[in-house]
Structures are given as C-alpha cells and as structure tokens.
Amino acid sequence: MAQDWEIKSRSRECSTTGRAFADKEPFFTLLFQEKDGYRREDLCEEAFADRNADIAPFSFWKSTFEEPAAAPPEALPHQSAEDLLRRFMEEDHPEHLHVRYVLAVMLERKKLLKHVDTKETEGGPPLLIYEHAGTGEIFLIPDPELHLDQVSAVQGEIAVLLGAKPPGQRETGNTDTASPESAG
C-alpha cells in the first residue's frame, strides 16, 4: 500500500480565519487522513473551539507559534542528518525504513524534531508523527520496531552516509602500524 509521506509545513496563519499568527501565540495543528494522503490545518484557539467537533482528525496537538529565525548561511554545504532524512523520505524506499527511523530519533534528541503523536495503522507499523521545531513541518515516520541488537548496524550505516569512515577502516596517510599500547 503506497502512502503519501510528504512533509507538511506549518502555516503562518489560521486555516479557518486567515488571520496571521502572532509570535508566541498558541495554536492547534490538526492532521486529517484522506485517501490521497494527509491534510494539515493550523487553527487559532478561537477557530479550534468553534470547529465542528463531529469531524475527528487523525491526530491533533497544541503548539506555540514561533516566528522562524533567519538561518545563517553555511560556509560549506554538507549532508546533515536532517538533509539525509528529507532525502530518504522523498525517495520512500522500503530499504531506508530503519535509517529514517533512527535519523528521526537522532533529530528528536537534538531537539530539531518533536514527537507529537503515535498512531496505529491498519496492517502496517505504528506511525510516529514529528513536528520540526523550526519550521513546523510534519514528518510521518513508520516505526520499524527495531530490536536493540539492530540499532548499532543502522547507526554505522548512517555514519557512513554522513561521511564517516566505515568501522575498522584506517585513516589514509597513517603508515604507523604499531598500536598505541605497543608504542614505547
């Protein structure tokens, strides 16, 4: 079953009233599951209170709107964990399921992503719903329910994807074969 895992961005205004959110204003995000994917609505508190409560969203949560800060220009472009997660979500290959999950957890620990909900899916893995702390984008990450003994291999794969040397590979240019313990 193909799913639409497109990343949804936080709106700068209420989906119902069209009024722009003020910095630090509380608002609600509602996520609706539709046959073509997911639809996001961001509502001010008044619109949330006045909405039709009979139409239940797939998921919803309350946040505080923060005016996005201007990102400083990077001296050298590099492949970050966030870039890698975005690329693998766009490609949506099943072999990247474990990597997407571990990248999302890494970004959650760095407080770049905030886990806002978990939903059970029909016939599939639980769906973890993350919100990007800076942009308000939504990341839908299937939980592959990794076993502890699998995490190390996935972390190694991610390290290599981010430019680290594979485990056991020596740095180039080092001709000394003596171990630190045997050095006198």
C-alpha atoms as a PDB file:
ATOM      1  CA  MET A   1       0.000   0.000   0.000  1.00  0.00           C
ATOM      2  CA  ALA A   2       1.634   3.259  -1.123  1.00  0.00           C
ATOM      3  CA  GLN A   3       1.434   6.128   1.359  1.00  0.00           C
ATOM      4  CA  ASP A   4       1.953   9.840   0.820  1.00  0.00           C
ATOM      5  CA  TRP A   5       4.734  10.779   3.256  1.00  0.00           C
ATOM      6  CA  GLU A   6       5.032  14.364   2.021  1.00  0.00           C
ATOM      7  CA  ILE A   7       6.267  16.786   4.643  1.00  0.00           C
ATOM      8  CA  LYS A   8       3.641  19.359   5.558  1.00  0.00           C
ATOM      9  CA  SER A   9       4.752  22.864   6.584  1.00  0.00           C
ATOM     10  CA  ARG A  10       3.310  24.864   9.438  1.00  0.00           C
ATOM     11  CA  SER A  11       1.138  27.708   8.269  1.00  0.00           C
ATOM     12  CA  ARG A  12       1.784  31.304   9.279  1.00  0.00           C
ATOM     13  CA  GLU A  13      -1.964  31.911   9.550  1.00  0.00           C
ATOM     14  CA  CYS A  14      -5.137  30.250  10.792  1.00  0.00           C
ATOM     15  CA  SER A  15      -6.577  27.867   8.194  1.00  0.00           C
ATOM     16  CA  THR A  16     -10.126  28.958   9.086  1.00  0.00           C
ATOM     17  CA  THR A  17      -9.924  32.699   9.731  1.00  0.00           C
ATOM     18  CA  GLY A  18      -6.898  33.564   7.583  1.00  0.00           C
ATOM     19  CA  ARG A  19      -5.544  35.711  10.422  1.00  0.00           C
ATOM     20  CA  ALA A  20      -1.724  35.649  10.765  1.00  0.00           C
ATOM     21  CA  PHE A  21      -0.405  34.044  13.937  1.00  0.00           C
ATOM     22  CA  ALA A  22       1.438  36.326  16.328  1.00  0.00           C
ATOM     23  CA  ASP A  23       4.827  35.300  17.695  1.00  0.00           C
ATOM     24  CA  LYS A  24       4.340  33.074  20.806  1.00  0.00           C
ATOM     25  CA  GLU A  25       0.608  32.622  20.071  1.00  0.00           C
ATOM     26  CA  PRO A  26      -0.814  29.185  20.970  1.00  0.00           C
ATOM     27  CA  PHE A  27      -2.456  27.319  18.079  1.00  0.00           C
ATOM     28  CA  PHE A  28      -3.675  23.821  17.211  1.00  0.00           C
ATOM     29  CA  THR A  29      -2.468  21.557  14.406  1.00  0.00           C
ATOM     30  CA  LEU A  30      -4.995  19.053  13.060  1.00  0.00           C
ATOM     31  CA  LEU A  31      -3.907  16.243  10.750  1.00  0.00           C
ATOM     32  CA  PHE A  32      -6.600  14.578   8.629  1.00  0.00           C
ATOM     33  CA  GLN A  33      -6.057  11.296   6.812  1.00  0.00           C
ATOM     34  CA  GLU A  34      -7.571  11.357   3.353  1.00  0.00           C
ATOM     35  CA  LYS A  35      -7.494   8.841   0.506  1.00  0.00           C
ATOM     36  CA  ASP A  36      -4.716  10.812  -1.278  1.00  0.00           C
ATOM     37  CA  GLY A  37      -2.553  11.329   1.831  1.00  0.00           C
ATOM     38  CA  TYR A  38      -2.640  13.686   4.787  1.00  0.00           C
ATOM     39  CA  ARG A  39      -4.062  17.200   5.071  1.00  0.00           C
ATOM     40  CA  ARG A  40      -2.895  19.656   7.723  1.00  0.00           C
ATOM     41  CA  GLU A  41      -4.868  22.509   9.261  1.00  0.00           C
ATOM     42  CA  ASP A  42      -3.413  25.030  11.703  1.00  0.00           C
ATOM     43  CA  LEU A  43      -6.105  26.766  13.774  1.00  0.00           C
ATOM     44  CA  CYS A  44      -6.036  29.647  16.218  1.00  0.00           C
ATOM     45  CA  GLU A  45      -7.578  28.864  19.601  1.00  0.00           C
ATOM     46  CA  GLU A  46     -10.881  30.540  18.697  1.00  0.00           C
ATOM     47  CA  ALA A  47     -11.241  28.604  15.430  1.00  0.00           C
ATOM     48  CA  PHE A  48     -10.355  25.357  17.221  1.00  0.00           C
ATOM     49  CA  ALA A  49     -13.072  25.991  19.823  1.00  0.00           C
ATOM     50  CA  ASP A  50     -15.632  26.833  17.090  1.00  0.00           C
ATOM     51  CA  ARG A  51     -14.791  23.916  14.757  1.00  0.00           C
ATOM     52  CA  ASN A  52     -17.183  21.046  14.050  1.00  0.00           C
ATOM     53  CA  ALA A  53     -16.192  18.554  16.770  1.00  0.00           C
ATOM     54  CA  ASP A  54     -18.039  15.776  14.903  1.00  0.00           C
ATOM     55  CA  ILE A  55     -15.246  15.707  12.285  1.00  0.00           C
ATOM     56  CA  ALA A  56     -12.437  13.972  14.147  1.00  0.00           C
ATOM     57  CA  PRO A  57      -8.871  14.482  12.928  1.00  0.00           C
ATOM     58  CA  PHE A  58      -6.390  11.608  12.573  1.00  0.00           C
ATOM     59  CA  SER A  59      -4.208  13.443  15.085  1.00  0.00           C
ATOM     60  CA  PHE A  60      -4.025  16.894  16.682  1.00  0.00           C
ATOM     61  CA  TRP A  61      -1.834  18.791  19.113  1.00  0.00           C
ATOM     62  CA  LYS A  62      -1.332  22.248  20.575  1.00  0.00           C
ATOM     63  CA  SER A  63       1.815  24.266  19.833  1.00  0.00           C
ATOM     64  CA  THR A  64       3.141  27.774  20.215  1.00  0.00           C
ATOM     65  CA  PHE A  65       3.819  29.704  17.015  1.00  0.00           C
ATOM     66  CA  GLU A  66       7.369  30.957  16.785  1.00  0.00           C
ATOM     67  CA  GLU A  67       8.422  33.347  14.084  1.00  0.00           C
ATOM     68  CA  PRO A  68      11.123  31.459  12.128  1.00  0.00           C
ATOM     69  CA  ALA A  69      14.606  32.873  12.628  1.00  0.00           C
ATOM     70  CA  ALA A  70      16.657  33.641   9.561  1.00  0.00           C
ATOM     71  CA  ALA A  71      19.090  30.780   9.004  1.00  0.00           C
ATOM     72  CA  PRO A  72      22.725  31.821   8.867  1.00  0.00           C
ATOM     73  CA  PRO A  73      24.404  30.930   5.568  1.00  0.00           C
ATOM     74  CA  GLU A  74      26.568  27.820   5.728  1.00  0.00           C
ATOM     75  CA  ALA A  75      30.230  28.237   4.855  1.00  0.00           C
ATOM     76  CA  LEU A  76      30.339  24.825   3.179  1.00  0.00           C
ATOM     77  CA  PRO A  77      27.276  22.803   2.216  1.00  0.00           C
ATOM     78  CA  HIS A  78      27.246  19.410   3.874  1.00  0.00           C
ATOM     79  CA  GLN A  79      24.997  16.407   4.205  1.00  0.00           C
ATOM     80  CA  SER A  80      23.355  16.644   7.618  1.00  0.00           C
ATOM     81  CA  ALA A  81      21.151  14.112   9.373  1.00  0.00           C
ATOM     82  CA  GLU A  82      18.158  16.325   8.550  1.00  0.00           C
ATOM     83  CA  ASP A  83      19.126  16.522   4.849  1.00  0.00           C
ATOM     84  CA  LEU A  84      19.511  12.752   4.769  1.00  0.00           C
ATOM     85  CA  LEU A  85      16.127  12.203   6.435  1.00  0.00           C
ATOM     86  CA  ARG A  86      14.437  14.539   3.966  1.00  0.00           C
ATOM     87  CA  ARG A  87      16.078  12.783   1.018  1.00  0.00           C
ATOM     88  CA  PHE A  88      15.102   9.306   2.220  1.00  0.00           C
ATOM     89  CA  MET A  89      11.533  10.435   2.941  1.00  0.00           C
ATOM     90  CA  GLU A  90      11.254  11.852  -0.558  1.00  0.00           C
ATOM     91  CA  GLU A  91      12.657   8.669  -2.130  1.00  0.00           C
ATOM     92  CA  ASP A  92      10.469   6.474   0.158  1.00  0.00           C
ATOM     93  CA  HIS A  93      12.401   3.236  -0.477  1.00  0.00           C
ATOM     94  CA  PRO A  94      11.483   0.419   1.936  1.00  0.00           C
ATOM     95  CA  GLU A  95      15.180  -0.405   2.496  1.00  0.00           C
ATOM     96  CA  HIS A  96      15.580   3.003   4.197  1.00  0.00           C
ATOM     97  CA  LEU A  97      12.824   2.372   6.769  1.00  0.00           C
ATOM     98  CA  HIS A  98      15.288   1.692   9.615  1.00  0.00           C
ATOM     99  CA  VAL A  99      17.552   4.606   8.643  1.00  0.00           C
ATOM    100  CA  ARG A 100      14.616   7.073   8.505  1.00  0.00           C
ATOM    101  CA  TYR A 101      13.501   5.960  11.951  1.00  0.00           C
ATOM    102  CA  VAL A 102      16.970   6.274  13.561  1.00  0.00           C
ATOM    103  CA  LEU A 103      17.557   9.649  11.869  1.00  0.00           C
ATOM    104  CA  ALA A 104      14.234  10.917  13.258  1.00  0.00           C
ATOM    105  CA  VAL A 105      15.184   9.745  16.757  1.00  0.00           C
ATOM    106  CA  MET A 106      18.608  11.423  16.402  1.00  0.00           C
ATOM    107  CA  LEU A 107      16.946  14.679  15.366  1.00  0.00           C
ATOM    108  CA  GLU A 108      14.474  14.361  18.244  1.00  0.00           C
ATOM    109  CA  ARG A 109      17.386  14.059  20.691  1.00  0.00           C
ATOM    110  CA  LYS A 110      18.905  17.214  19.143  1.00  0.00           C
ATOM    111  CA  LYS A 111      15.514  18.898  19.679  1.00  0.00           C
ATOM    112  CA  LEU A 112      15.125  19.576  15.941  1.00  0.00           C
ATOM    113  CA  LEU A 113      12.091  17.287  15.775  1.00  0.00           C
ATOM    114  CA  LYS A 114       9.363  16.986  18.392  1.00  0.00           C
ATOM    115  CA  HIS A 115       7.375  13.755  18.688  1.00  0.00           C
ATOM    116  CA  VAL A 116       3.743  14.870  18.881  1.00  0.00           C
ATOM    117  CA  ASP A 117       1.774  11.651  18.399  1.00  0.00           C
ATOM    118  CA  THR A 118       1.845   7.954  17.549  1.00  0.00           C
ATOM    119  CA  LYS A 119      -0.956   6.327  15.586  1.00  0.00           C
ATOM    120  CA  GLU A 120      -1.611   2.669  14.863  1.00  0.00           C
ATOM    121  CA  THR A 121      -2.093   1.927  11.180  1.00  0.00           C
ATOM    122  CA  GLU A 122      -4.195  -0.741   9.597  1.00  0.00           C
ATOM    123  CA  GLY A 123      -1.941  -3.627   8.587  1.00  0.00           C
ATOM    124  CA  GLY A 124       1.277  -1.630   8.979  1.00  0.00           C
ATOM    125  CA  PRO A 125       3.726  -0.393  11.565  1.00  0.00           C
ATOM    126  CA  PRO A 126       2.771   2.339  14.029  1.00  0.00           C
ATOM    127  CA  LEU A 127       3.151   5.824  12.535  1.00  0.00           C
ATOM    128  CA  LEU A 128       5.242   8.317  14.507  1.00  0.00           C
ATOM    129  CA  ILE A 129       4.280  11.935  13.923  1.00  0.00           C
ATOM    130  CA  TYR A 130       7.048  14.505  14.367  1.00  0.00           C
ATOM    131  CA  GLU A 131       6.935  18.279  14.034  1.00  0.00           C
ATOM    132  CA  HIS A 132      10.064  20.225  13.026  1.00  0.00           C
ATOM    133  CA  ALA A 133      10.856  22.668  15.839  1.00  0.00           C
ATOM    134  CA  GLY A 134      11.967  25.436  13.497  1.00  0.00           C
ATOM    135  CA  THR A 135       9.645  25.198  10.511  1.00  0.00           C
ATOM    136  CA  GLY A 136       6.610  23.321  11.835  1.00  0.00           C
ATOM    137  CA  GLU A 137       6.852  20.764   9.029  1.00  0.00           C
ATOM    138  CA  ILE A 138       5.342  17.362   9.764  1.00  0.00           C
ATOM    139  CA  PHE A 139       7.390  14.210   9.357  1.00  0.00           C
ATOM    140  CA  LEU A 140       5.472  10.916   9.235  1.00  0.00           C
ATOM    141  CA  ILE A 141       7.850   8.105  10.203  1.00  0.00           C
ATOM    142  CA  PRO A 142       6.765   4.445  10.252  1.00  0.00           C
ATOM    143  CA  ASP A 143       8.149   2.743  13.380  1.00  0.00           C
ATOM    144  CA  PRO A 144      10.061  -0.340  12.189  1.00  0.00           C
ATOM    145  CA  GLU A 145      10.123  -1.608  15.797  1.00  0.00           C
ATOM    146  CA  LEU A 146      13.893  -2.143  15.718  1.00  0.00           C
ATOM    147  CA  HIS A 147      15.446  -4.566  18.170  1.00  0.00           C
ATOM    148  CA  LEU A 148      18.296  -3.238  20.296  1.00  0.00           C
ATOM    149  CA  ASP A 149      20.784  -5.514  18.518  1.00  0.00           C
ATOM    150  CA  GLN A 150      19.872  -3.869  15.155  1.00  0.00           C
ATOM    151  CA  VAL A 151      20.413  -0.245  16.204  1.00  0.00           C
ATOM    152  CA  SER A 152      24.229  -0.345  16.118  1.00  0.00           C
ATOM    153  CA  ALA A 153      24.322  -1.517  12.487  1.00  0.00           C
ATOM    154  CA  VAL A 154      21.856   1.202  11.431  1.00  0.00           C
ATOM    155  CA  GLN A 155      23.885   3.859  13.279  1.00  0.00           C
ATOM    156  CA  GLY A 156      27.017   2.651  11.452  1.00  0.00           C
ATOM    157  CA  GLU A 157      25.197   2.882   8.124  1.00  0.00           C
ATOM    158  CA  ILE A 158      24.096   6.447   8.947  1.00  0.00           C
ATOM    159  CA  ALA A 159      27.629   7.445   9.975  1.00  0.00           C
ATOM    160  CA  VAL A 160      28.955   6.253   6.610  1.00  0.00           C
ATOM    161  CA  LEU A 161      26.146   8.082   4.771  1.00  0.00           C
ATOM    162  CA  LEU A 162      27.109  11.268   6.638  1.00  0.00           C
ATOM    163  CA  GLY A 163      30.737  10.925   5.581  1.00  0.00           C
ATOM    164  CA  ALA A 164      32.406   8.999   8.406  1.00  0.00           C
ATOM    165  CA  LYS A 165      34.825   6.175   7.646  1.00  0.00           C
ATOM    166  CA  PRO A 166      33.377   2.664   7.880  1.00  0.00           C
ATOM    167  CA  PRO A 167      34.231   0.920  11.173  1.00  0.00           C
ATOM    168  CA  GLY A 168      37.656  -0.718  11.003  1.00  0.00           C
ATOM    169  CA  GLN A 169      38.921   1.410   8.094  1.00  0.00           C
ATOM    170  CA  ARG A 170      42.131   3.274   8.919  1.00  0.00           C
ATOM    171  CA  GLU A 171      42.774   6.914   8.181  1.00  0.00           C
ATOM    172  CA  THR A 172      44.790   7.446   4.991  1.00  0.00           C
ATOM    173  CA  GLY A 173      48.343   8.667   5.353  1.00  0.00           C
ATOM    174  CA  ASN A 174      48.986   6.784   8.602  1.00  0.00           C
ATOM    175  CA  THR A 175      51.885   4.408   7.943  1.00  0.00           C
ATOM    176  CA  ASP A 176      52.497   3.514  11.578  1.00  0.00           C
ATOM    177  CA  THR A 177      51.176   0.005  12.146  1.00  0.00           C
ATOM    178  CA  ALA A 178      52.026  -0.131  15.852  1.00  0.00           C
ATOM    179  CA  SER A 179      49.147   0.031  18.271  1.00  0.00           C
ATOM    180  CA  PRO A 180      49.167   2.754  20.965  1.00  0.00           C
ATOM    181  CA  GLU A 181      49.708   0.092  23.618  1.00  0.00           C
ATOM    182  CA  SER A 182      52.910  -1.206  21.934  1.00  0.00           C
ATOM    183  CA  ALA A 183      54.395   2.257  21.479  1.00  0.00           C
ATOM    184  CA  GLY A 184      57.205   2.788  23.890  1.00  0.00           C
END
